[in-house]
Amino acid sequence: NGDVWTCCVRAQPVGNLRQTAYDLRPIWFEQVGCLR
């Protein structure tokens, strides 16, 4: 569904590629909230 997880065991979404026009950079490098 476009959710990005740090790992599939935890499977906690840190963002969704559909919300960033399929650009991983805003999800991966902004390091906000859940990802941090």
PDB file of all heavy atoms in Angstrom:
ATOM      1  N   ASN A   1       0.806  -1.220   0.000  1.00  0.00           N
ATOM      2  CA  ASN A   1       0.000   0.000   0.000  1.00  0.00           C
ATOM      3  C   ASN A   1       0.842   1.275   0.000  1.00  0.00           C
ATOM      4  O   ASN A   1       0.309   2.378   0.063  1.00  0.00           O
ATOM      5  CB  ASN A   1      -0.960   0.014   1.200  1.00  0.00           C
ATOM      6  CG  ASN A   1      -0.227   0.147   2.522  1.00  0.00           C
ATOM      7  OD1 ASN A   1       0.999   0.085   2.576  1.00  0.00           O
ATOM      8  ND2 ASN A   1      -0.984   0.314   3.593  1.00  0.00           N
ATOM      9  N   GLY A   2       2.187   1.123  -0.052  1.00  0.00           N
ATOM     10  CA  GLY A   2       3.074   2.284  -0.075  1.00  0.00           C
ATOM     11  C   GLY A   2       3.660   2.648   1.273  1.00  0.00           C
ATOM     12  O   GLY A   2       4.519   3.528   1.358  1.00  0.00           O
ATOM     13  N   ASP A   3       3.217   1.988   2.347  1.00  0.00           N
ATOM     14  CA  ASP A   3       3.796   2.262   3.658  1.00  0.00           C
ATOM     15  C   ASP A   3       5.271   1.890   3.664  1.00  0.00           C
ATOM     16  O   ASP A   3       5.672   0.861   3.117  1.00  0.00           O
ATOM     17  CB  ASP A   3       3.098   1.462   4.767  1.00  0.00           C
ATOM     18  CG  ASP A   3       1.764   2.061   5.180  1.00  0.00           C
ATOM     19  OD1 ASP A   3       1.493   3.227   4.824  1.00  0.00           O
ATOM     20  OD2 ASP A   3       1.005   1.366   5.883  1.00  0.00           O
ATOM     21  N   VAL A   4       6.080   2.730   4.311  1.00  0.00           N
ATOM     22  CA  VAL A   4       7.513   2.474   4.464  1.00  0.00           C
ATOM     23  C   VAL A   4       7.741   2.046   5.908  1.00  0.00           C
ATOM     24  O   VAL A   4       7.290   2.715   6.838  1.00  0.00           O
ATOM     25  CB  VAL A   4       8.341   3.742   4.139  1.00  0.00           C
ATOM     26  CG1 VAL A   4       9.828   3.497   4.382  1.00  0.00           C
ATOM     27  CG2 VAL A   4       8.092   4.178   2.705  1.00  0.00           C
ATOM     28  N   TRP A   5       8.419   0.926   6.075  1.00  0.00           N
ATOM     29  CA  TRP A   5       8.744   0.394   7.404  1.00  0.00           C
ATOM     30  C   TRP A   5      10.253   0.346   7.563  1.00  0.00           C
ATOM     31  O   TRP A   5      10.973   0.119   6.587  1.00  0.00           O
ATOM     32  CB  TRP A   5       8.237  -1.045   7.569  1.00  0.00           C
ATOM     33  CG  TRP A   5       6.790  -1.293   7.335  1.00  0.00           C
ATOM     34  CD1 TRP A   5       5.749  -0.429   7.514  1.00  0.00           C
ATOM     35  CD2 TRP A   5       6.205  -2.519   6.884  1.00  0.00           C
ATOM     36  NE1 TRP A   5       4.558  -1.041   7.209  1.00  0.00           N
ATOM     37  CE2 TRP A   5       4.817  -2.336   6.823  1.00  0.00           C
ATOM     38  CE3 TRP A   5       6.720  -3.768   6.533  1.00  0.00           C
ATOM     39  CZ2 TRP A   5       3.938  -3.340   6.428  1.00  0.00           C
ATOM     40  CZ3 TRP A   5       5.860  -4.771   6.144  1.00  0.00           C
ATOM     41  CH2 TRP A   5       4.478  -4.548   6.094  1.00  0.00           C
ATOM     42  N   THR A   6      10.736   0.493   8.780  1.00  0.00           N
ATOM     43  CA  THR A   6      12.162   0.292   9.032  1.00  0.00           C
ATOM     44  C   THR A   6      12.505  -1.179   8.848  1.00  0.00           C
ATOM     45  O   THR A   6      13.573  -1.518   8.365  1.00  0.00           O
ATOM     46  CB  THR A   6      12.557   0.719  10.457  1.00  0.00           C
ATOM     47  OG1 THR A   6      11.748   0.003  11.397  1.00  0.00           O
ATOM     48  CG2 THR A   6      12.422   2.209  10.636  1.00  0.00           C
ATOM     49  N   CYS A   7      11.594  -2.057   9.248  1.00  0.00           N
ATOM     50  CA  CYS A   7      11.785  -3.498   9.054  1.00  0.00           C
ATOM     51  C   CYS A   7      10.413  -4.159   9.020  1.00  0.00           C
ATOM     52  O   CYS A   7       9.440  -3.622   9.548  1.00  0.00           O
ATOM     53  CB  CYS A   7      12.662  -4.105  10.139  1.00  0.00           C
ATOM     54  SG  CYS A   7      11.870  -4.305  11.740  1.00  0.00           S
ATOM     55  N   CYS A   8      10.360  -5.325   8.419  1.00  0.00           N
ATOM     56  CA  CYS A   8       9.065  -5.985   8.273  1.00  0.00           C
ATOM     57  C   CYS A   8       8.650  -6.738   9.525  1.00  0.00           C
ATOM     58  O   CYS A   8       7.486  -7.103   9.659  1.00  0.00           O
ATOM     59  CB  CYS A   8       9.054  -6.909   7.060  1.00  0.00           C
ATOM     60  SG  CYS A   8      10.167  -8.289   7.184  1.00  0.00           S
ATOM     61  N   VAL A   9       9.560  -6.958  10.444  1.00  0.00           N
ATOM     62  CA  VAL A   9       9.181  -7.621  11.688  1.00  0.00           C
ATOM     63  C   VAL A   9       8.341  -6.663  12.531  1.00  0.00           C
ATOM     64  O   VAL A   9       7.288  -7.021  13.046  1.00  0.00           O
ATOM     65  CB  VAL A   9      10.414  -8.121  12.462  1.00  0.00           C
ATOM     66  CG1 VAL A   9      10.041  -8.644  13.833  1.00  0.00           C
ATOM     67  CG2 VAL A   9      11.131  -9.197  11.656  1.00  0.00           C
ATOM     68  N   ARG A  10       8.780  -5.430  12.633  1.00  0.00           N
ATOM     69  CA  ARG A  10       8.014  -4.438  13.398  1.00  0.00           C
ATOM     70  C   ARG A  10       6.829  -3.911  12.593  1.00  0.00           C
ATOM     71  O   ARG A  10       5.790  -3.603  13.150  1.00  0.00           O
ATOM     72  CB  ARG A  10       8.922  -3.291  13.817  1.00  0.00           C
ATOM     73  CG  ARG A  10       9.877  -3.722  14.930  1.00  0.00           C
ATOM     74  CD  ARG A  10      10.701  -2.580  15.370  1.00  0.00           C
ATOM     75  NE  ARG A  10      10.677  -2.501  16.831  1.00  0.00           N
ATOM     76  CZ  ARG A  10      11.404  -1.653  17.503  1.00  0.00           C
ATOM     77  NH1 ARG A  10      12.192  -0.792  16.897  1.00  0.00           N
ATOM     78  NH2 ARG A  10      11.348  -1.634  18.814  1.00  0.00           N
ATOM     79  N   ALA A  11       7.011  -3.752  11.311  1.00  0.00           N
ATOM     80  CA  ALA A  11       5.946  -3.333  10.395  1.00  0.00           C
ATOM     81  C   ALA A  11       5.191  -2.108  10.882  1.00  0.00           C
ATOM     82  O   ALA A  11       3.974  -2.047  10.804  1.00  0.00           O
ATOM     83  CB  ALA A  11       4.992  -4.494  10.136  1.00  0.00           C
ATOM     84  N   GLN A  12       5.919  -1.111  11.349  1.00  0.00           N
ATOM     85  CA  GLN A  12       5.306   0.139  11.784  1.00  0.00           C
ATOM     86  C   GLN A  12       5.562   1.190  10.707  1.00  0.00           C
ATOM     87  O   GLN A  12       6.706   1.534  10.437  1.00  0.00           O
ATOM     88  CB  GLN A  12       5.914   0.593  13.115  1.00  0.00           C
ATOM     89  CG  GLN A  12       5.575  -0.329  14.265  1.00  0.00           C
ATOM     90  CD  GLN A  12       6.304   0.082  15.525  1.00  0.00           C
ATOM     91  OE1 GLN A  12       7.378  -0.429  15.805  1.00  0.00           O
ATOM     92  NE2 GLN A  12       5.716   1.014  16.258  1.00  0.00           N
ATOM     93  N   PRO A  13       4.514   1.714  10.098  1.00  0.00           N
ATOM     94  CA  PRO A  13       4.715   2.711   9.042  1.00  0.00           C
ATOM     95  C   PRO A  13       5.384   3.979   9.568  1.00  0.00           C
ATOM     96  O   PRO A  13       5.036   4.486  10.629  1.00  0.00           O
ATOM     97  CB  PRO A  13       3.301   3.021   8.560  1.00  0.00           C
ATOM     98  CG  PRO A  13       2.450   1.912   9.069  1.00  0.00           C
ATOM     99  CD  PRO A  13       3.112   1.405  10.310  1.00  0.00           C
ATOM    100  N   VAL A  14       6.374   4.467   8.808  1.00  0.00           N
ATOM    101  CA  VAL A  14       7.022   5.730   9.134  1.00  0.00           C
ATOM    102  C   VAL A  14       6.647   6.788   8.111  1.00  0.00           C
ATOM    103  O   VAL A  14       7.044   7.946   8.224  1.00  0.00           O
ATOM    104  CB  VAL A  14       8.558   5.577   9.229  1.00  0.00           C
ATOM    105  CG1 VAL A  14       8.922   4.645  10.375  1.00  0.00           C
ATOM    106  CG2 VAL A  14       9.163   5.094   7.928  1.00  0.00           C
ATOM    107  N   GLY A  15       5.887   6.396   7.118  1.00  0.00           N
ATOM    108  CA  GLY A  15       5.422   7.287   6.072  1.00  0.00           C
ATOM    109  C   GLY A  15       4.827   6.450   4.960  1.00  0.00           C
ATOM    110  O   GLY A  15       4.849   5.220   5.013  1.00  0.00           O
ATOM    111  N   ASN A  16       4.268   7.135   3.962  1.00  0.00           N
ATOM    112  CA  ASN A  16       3.654   6.425   2.852  1.00  0.00           C
ATOM    113  C   ASN A  16       4.088   7.088   1.546  1.00  0.00           C
ATOM    114  O   ASN A  16       3.950   8.302   1.380  1.00  0.00           O
ATOM    115  CB  ASN A  16       2.127   6.434   2.969  1.00  0.00           C
ATOM    116  CG  ASN A  16       1.487   5.546   1.942  1.00  0.00           C
ATOM    117  OD1 ASN A  16       1.475   5.865   0.753  1.00  0.00           O
ATOM    118  ND2 ASN A  16       0.953   4.419   2.387  1.00  0.00           N
ATOM    119  N   LEU A  17       4.607   6.281   0.644  1.00  0.00           N
ATOM    120  CA  LEU A  17       5.113   6.805  -0.626  1.00  0.00           C
ATOM    121  C   LEU A  17       4.031   7.462  -1.468  1.00  0.00           C
ATOM    122  O   LEU A  17       4.309   8.387  -2.240  1.00  0.00           O
ATOM    123  CB  LEU A  17       5.794   5.689  -1.424  1.00  0.00           C
ATOM    124  CG  LEU A  17       7.118   5.198  -0.844  1.00  0.00           C
ATOM    125  CD1 LEU A  17       7.613   3.978  -1.604  1.00  0.00           C
ATOM    126  CD2 LEU A  17       8.152   6.305  -0.866  1.00  0.00           C
ATOM    127  N   ARG A  18       2.805   7.042  -1.332  1.00  0.00           N
ATOM    128  CA  ARG A  18       1.719   7.659  -2.102  1.00  0.00           C
ATOM    129  C   ARG A  18       1.509   9.113  -1.692  1.00  0.00           C
ATOM    130  O   ARG A  18       1.034   9.917  -2.481  1.00  0.00           O
ATOM    131  CB  ARG A  18       0.426   6.869  -1.911  1.00  0.00           C
ATOM    132  CG  ARG A  18       0.489   5.498  -2.549  1.00  0.00           C
ATOM    133  CD  ARG A  18      -0.767   4.718  -2.294  1.00  0.00           C
ATOM    134  NE  ARG A  18      -0.677   3.409  -2.916  1.00  0.00           N
ATOM    135  CZ  ARG A  18      -1.621   2.522  -2.891  1.00  0.00           C
ATOM    136  NH1 ARG A  18      -2.772   2.773  -2.279  1.00  0.00           N
ATOM    137  NH2 ARG A  18      -1.456   1.356  -3.467  1.00  0.00           N
ATOM    138  N   GLN A  19       1.861   9.437  -0.448  1.00  0.00           N
ATOM    139  CA  GLN A  19       1.685  10.802   0.046  1.00  0.00           C
ATOM    140  C   GLN A  19       2.860  11.703  -0.301  1.00  0.00           C
ATOM    141  O   GLN A  19       2.816  12.907  -0.059  1.00  0.00           O
ATOM    142  CB  GLN A  19       1.466  10.775   1.555  1.00  0.00           C
ATOM    143  CG  GLN A  19       0.192  10.054   1.940  1.00  0.00           C
ATOM    144  CD  GLN A  19       0.081   9.800   3.431  1.00  0.00           C
ATOM    145  OE1 GLN A  19       1.005  10.053   4.196  1.00  0.00           O
ATOM    146  NE2 GLN A  19      -1.068   9.281   3.841  1.00  0.00           N
ATOM    147  N   THR A  20       3.938  11.131  -0.869  1.00  0.00           N
ATOM    148  CA  THR A  20       5.112  11.921  -1.222  1.00  0.00           C
ATOM    149  C   THR A  20       5.442  11.791  -2.708  1.00  0.00           C
ATOM    150  O   THR A  20       6.589  11.956  -3.104  1.00  0.00           O
ATOM    151  CB  THR A  20       6.346  11.484  -0.400  1.00  0.00           C
ATOM    152  OG1 THR A  20       6.629  10.110  -0.703  1.00  0.00           O
ATOM    153  CG2 THR A  20       6.128  11.687   1.083  1.00  0.00           C
ATOM    154  N   ALA A  21       4.438  11.495  -3.518  1.00  0.00           N
ATOM    155  CA  ALA A  21       4.624  11.295  -4.962  1.00  0.00           C
ATOM    156  C   ALA A  21       5.703  10.243  -5.223  1.00  0.00           C
ATOM    157  O   ALA A  21       6.515  10.367  -6.125  1.00  0.00           O
ATOM    158  CB  ALA A  21       4.942  12.614  -5.662  1.00  0.00           C
ATOM    159  N   TYR A  22       5.721   9.212  -4.368  1.00  0.00           N
ATOM    160  CA  TYR A  22       6.650   8.083  -4.468  1.00  0.00           C
ATOM    161  C   TYR A  22       8.118   8.482  -4.318  1.00  0.00           C
ATOM    162  O   TYR A  22       9.015   7.827  -4.827  1.00  0.00           O
ATOM    163  CB  TYR A  22       6.419   7.280  -5.752  1.00  0.00           C
ATOM    164  CG  TYR A  22       5.041   6.674  -5.742  1.00  0.00           C
ATOM    165  CD1 TYR A  22       3.968   7.335  -6.339  1.00  0.00           C
ATOM    166  CD2 TYR A  22       4.799   5.471  -5.101  1.00  0.00           C
ATOM    167  CE1 TYR A  22       2.685   6.802  -6.293  1.00  0.00           C
ATOM    168  CE2 TYR A  22       3.519   4.938  -5.051  1.00  0.00           C
ATOM    169  CZ  TYR A  22       2.470   5.610  -5.650  1.00  0.00           C
ATOM    170  OH  TYR A  22       1.204   5.092  -5.590  1.00  0.00           O
ATOM    171  N   ASP A  23       8.341   9.555  -3.576  1.00  0.00           N
ATOM    172  CA  ASP A  23       9.696  10.023  -3.277  1.00  0.00           C
ATOM    173  C   ASP A  23      10.031   9.596  -1.846  1.00  0.00           C
ATOM    174  O   ASP A  23       9.391  10.030  -0.890  1.00  0.00           O
ATOM    175  CB  ASP A  23       9.747  11.547  -3.421  1.00  0.00           C
ATOM    176  CG  ASP A  23      11.145  12.109  -3.238  1.00  0.00           C
ATOM    177  OD1 ASP A  23      12.088  11.352  -2.918  1.00  0.00           O
ATOM    178  OD2 ASP A  23      11.292  13.337  -3.422  1.00  0.00           O
ATOM    179  N   LEU A  24      11.029   8.766  -1.689  1.00  0.00           N
ATOM    180  CA  LEU A  24      11.416   8.256  -0.371  1.00  0.00           C
ATOM    181  C   LEU A  24      12.125   9.305   0.479  1.00  0.00           C
ATOM    182  O   LEU A  24      12.052   9.271   1.712  1.00  0.00           O
ATOM    183  CB  LEU A  24      12.311   7.018  -0.538  1.00  0.00           C
ATOM    184  CG  LEU A  24      12.788   6.328   0.736  1.00  0.00           C
ATOM    185  CD1 LEU A  24      11.595   5.779   1.536  1.00  0.00           C
ATOM    186  CD2 LEU A  24      13.760   5.209   0.406  1.00  0.00           C
ATOM    187  N   ARG A  25      12.785  10.256  -0.154  1.00  0.00           N
ATOM    188  CA  ARG A  25      13.599  11.229   0.590  1.00  0.00           C
ATOM    189  C   ARG A  25      12.863  11.956   1.709  1.00  0.00           C
ATOM    190  O   ARG A  25      13.396  12.034   2.825  1.00  0.00           O
ATOM    191  CB  ARG A  25      14.249  12.225  -0.364  1.00  0.00           C
ATOM    192  CG  ARG A  25      15.365  11.586  -1.195  1.00  0.00           C
ATOM    193  CD  ARG A  25      15.886  12.528  -2.212  1.00  0.00           C
ATOM    194  NE  ARG A  25      14.776  12.808  -3.140  1.00  0.00           N
ATOM    195  CZ  ARG A  25      14.874  13.458  -4.257  1.00  0.00           C
ATOM    196  NH1 ARG A  25      16.012  13.990  -4.608  1.00  0.00           N
ATOM    197  NH2 ARG A  25      13.838  13.631  -5.046  1.00  0.00           N
ATOM    198  N   PRO A  26      11.678  12.485   1.491  1.00  0.00           N
ATOM    199  CA  PRO A  26      11.024  13.198   2.599  1.00  0.00           C
ATOM    200  C   PRO A  26      10.722  12.276   3.796  1.00  0.00           C
ATOM    201  O   PRO A  26      10.753  12.723   4.944  1.00  0.00           O
ATOM    202  CB  PRO A  26       9.718  13.712   2.005  1.00  0.00           C
ATOM    203  CG  PRO A  26       9.860  13.603   0.540  1.00  0.00           C
ATOM    204  CD  PRO A  26      10.909  12.577   0.265  1.00  0.00           C
ATOM    205  N   ILE A  27      10.457  11.028   3.530  1.00  0.00           N
ATOM    206  CA  ILE A  27      10.164  10.085   4.611  1.00  0.00           C
ATOM    207  C   ILE A  27      11.456   9.704   5.328  1.00  0.00           C
ATOM    208  O   ILE A  27      11.526   9.706   6.559  1.00  0.00           O
ATOM    209  CB  ILE A  27       9.474   8.820   4.050  1.00  0.00           C
ATOM    210  CG1 ILE A  27       8.127   9.183   3.429  1.00  0.00           C
ATOM    211  CG2 ILE A  27       9.339   7.744   5.135  1.00  0.00           C
ATOM    212  CD1 ILE A  27       7.493   8.067   2.602  1.00  0.00           C
ATOM    213  N   TRP A  28      12.479   9.408   4.567  1.00  0.00           N
ATOM    214  CA  TRP A  28      13.702   8.799   5.101  1.00  0.00           C
ATOM    215  C   TRP A  28      14.655   9.796   5.742  1.00  0.00           C
ATOM    216  O   TRP A  28      15.357   9.482   6.683  1.00  0.00           O
ATOM    217  CB  TRP A  28      14.416   8.054   3.980  1.00  0.00           C
ATOM    218  CG  TRP A  28      15.266   6.933   4.469  1.00  0.00           C
ATOM    219  CD1 TRP A  28      16.620   6.838   4.367  1.00  0.00           C
ATOM    220  CD2 TRP A  28      14.843   5.752   5.118  1.00  0.00           C
ATOM    221  NE1 TRP A  28      17.053   5.659   4.912  1.00  0.00           N
ATOM    222  CE2 TRP A  28      15.967   4.972   5.380  1.00  0.00           C
ATOM    223  CE3 TRP A  28      13.585   5.264   5.507  1.00  0.00           C
ATOM    224  CZ2 TRP A  28      15.912   3.747   6.018  1.00  0.00           C
ATOM    225  CZ3 TRP A  28      13.525   4.032   6.126  1.00  0.00           C
ATOM    226  CH2 TRP A  28      14.673   3.292   6.384  1.00  0.00           C
ATOM    227  N   PHE A  29      14.690  11.030   5.241  1.00  0.00           N
ATOM    228  CA  PHE A  29      15.696  11.963   5.709  1.00  0.00           C
ATOM    229  C   PHE A  29      15.180  13.039   6.652  1.00  0.00           C
ATOM    230  O   PHE A  29      15.978  13.710   7.296  1.00  0.00           O
ATOM    231  CB  PHE A  29      16.427  12.605   4.519  1.00  0.00           C
ATOM    232  CG  PHE A  29      17.233  11.600   3.754  1.00  0.00           C
ATOM    233  CD1 PHE A  29      16.857  11.238   2.476  1.00  0.00           C
ATOM    234  CD2 PHE A  29      18.340  10.998   4.319  1.00  0.00           C
ATOM    235  CE1 PHE A  29      17.593  10.302   1.766  1.00  0.00           C
ATOM    236  CE2 PHE A  29      19.074  10.062   3.623  1.00  0.00           C
ATOM    237  CZ  PHE A  29      18.700   9.709   2.332  1.00  0.00           C
ATOM    238  N   GLU A  30      13.873  13.247   6.747  1.00  0.00           N
ATOM    239  CA  GLU A  30      13.364  14.269   7.658  1.00  0.00           C
ATOM    240  C   GLU A  30      13.396  13.800   9.108  1.00  0.00           C
ATOM    241  O   GLU A  30      13.400  14.603  10.021  1.00  0.00           O
ATOM    242  CB  GLU A  30      11.971  14.731   7.237  1.00  0.00           C
ATOM    243  CG  GLU A  30      12.027  15.544   5.951  1.00  0.00           C
ATOM    244  CD  GLU A  30      10.661  16.037   5.505  1.00  0.00           C
ATOM    245  OE1 GLU A  30       9.714  16.005   6.308  1.00  0.00           O
ATOM    246  OE2 GLU A  30      10.556  16.455   4.346  1.00  0.00           O
ATOM    247  N   GLN A  31      13.432  12.487   9.303  1.00  0.00           N
ATOM    248  CA  GLN A  31      13.564  11.874  10.626  1.00  0.00           C
ATOM    249  C   GLN A  31      12.638  12.502  11.668  1.00  0.00           C
ATOM    250  O   GLN A  31      13.078  12.986  12.698  1.00  0.00           O
ATOM    251  CB  GLN A  31      15.013  11.973  11.110  1.00  0.00           C
ATOM    252  CG  GLN A  31      15.975  11.217  10.241  1.00  0.00           C
ATOM    253  CD  GLN A  31      17.352  11.190  10.851  1.00  0.00           C
ATOM    254  OE1 GLN A  31      17.501  11.194  12.048  1.00  0.00           O
ATOM    255  NE2 GLN A  31      18.350  11.144  10.004  1.00  0.00           N
ATOM    256  N   VAL A  32      11.377  12.462  11.385  1.00  0.00           N
ATOM    257  CA  VAL A  32      10.421  13.007  12.341  1.00  0.00           C
ATOM    258  C   VAL A  32       9.649  11.878  13.012  1.00  0.00           C
ATOM    259  O   VAL A  32       9.499  10.785  12.468  1.00  0.00           O
ATOM    260  CB  VAL A  32       9.421  13.974  11.651  1.00  0.00           C
ATOM    261  CG1 VAL A  32      10.145  15.211  11.139  1.00  0.00           C
ATOM    262  CG2 VAL A  32       8.676  13.293  10.521  1.00  0.00           C
ATOM    263  N   GLY A  33       9.173  12.152  14.206  1.00  0.00           N
ATOM    264  CA  GLY A  33       8.239  11.274  14.912  1.00  0.00           C
ATOM    265  C   GLY A  33       8.616   9.822  14.990  1.00  0.00           C
ATOM    266  O   GLY A  33       9.615   9.446  15.575  1.00  0.00           O
ATOM    267  N   CYS A  34       7.800   9.007  14.370  1.00  0.00           N
ATOM    268  CA  CYS A  34       7.901   7.557  14.464  1.00  0.00           C
ATOM    269  C   CYS A  34       9.246   7.026  13.974  1.00  0.00           C
ATOM    270  O   CYS A  34       9.827   6.142  14.599  1.00  0.00           O
ATOM    271  CB  CYS A  34       6.751   6.922  13.687  1.00  0.00           C
ATOM    272  SG  CYS A  34       6.678   5.140  13.836  1.00  0.00           S
ATOM    273  N   LEU A  35       9.762   7.557  12.875  1.00  0.00           N
ATOM    274  CA  LEU A  35      11.032   7.082  12.343  1.00  0.00           C
ATOM    275  C   LEU A  35      12.156   7.337  13.343  1.00  0.00           C
ATOM    276  O   LEU A  35      12.988   6.462  13.595  1.00  0.00           O
ATOM    277  CB  LEU A  35      11.359   7.729  11.000  1.00  0.00           C
ATOM    278  CG  LEU A  35      12.695   7.314  10.367  1.00  0.00           C
ATOM    279  CD1 LEU A  35      12.766   5.806  10.155  1.00  0.00           C
ATOM    280  CD2 LEU A  35      12.905   8.055   9.057  1.00  0.00           C
ATOM    281  N   ARG A  36      12.185   8.509  13.924  1.00  0.00           N
ATOM    282  CA  ARG A  36      13.209   8.837  14.917  1.00  0.00           C
ATOM    283  C   ARG A  36      13.135   7.860  16.091  1.00  0.00           C
ATOM    284  O   ARG A  36      14.152   7.329  16.539  1.00  0.00           O
ATOM    285  CB  ARG A  36      13.066  10.266  15.405  1.00  0.00           C
ATOM    286  CG  ARG A  36      14.162  10.654  16.409  1.00  0.00           C
ATOM    287  CD  ARG A  36      14.037  12.079  16.925  1.00  0.00           C
ATOM    288  NE  ARG A  36      14.182  13.011  15.815  1.00  0.00           N
ATOM    289  CZ  ARG A  36      13.350  14.039  15.591  1.00  0.00           C
ATOM    290  NH1 ARG A  36      12.338  14.266  16.387  1.00  0.00           N
ATOM    291  NH2 ARG A  36      13.546  14.836  14.576  1.00  0.00           N
TER     292      ARG A  36
END
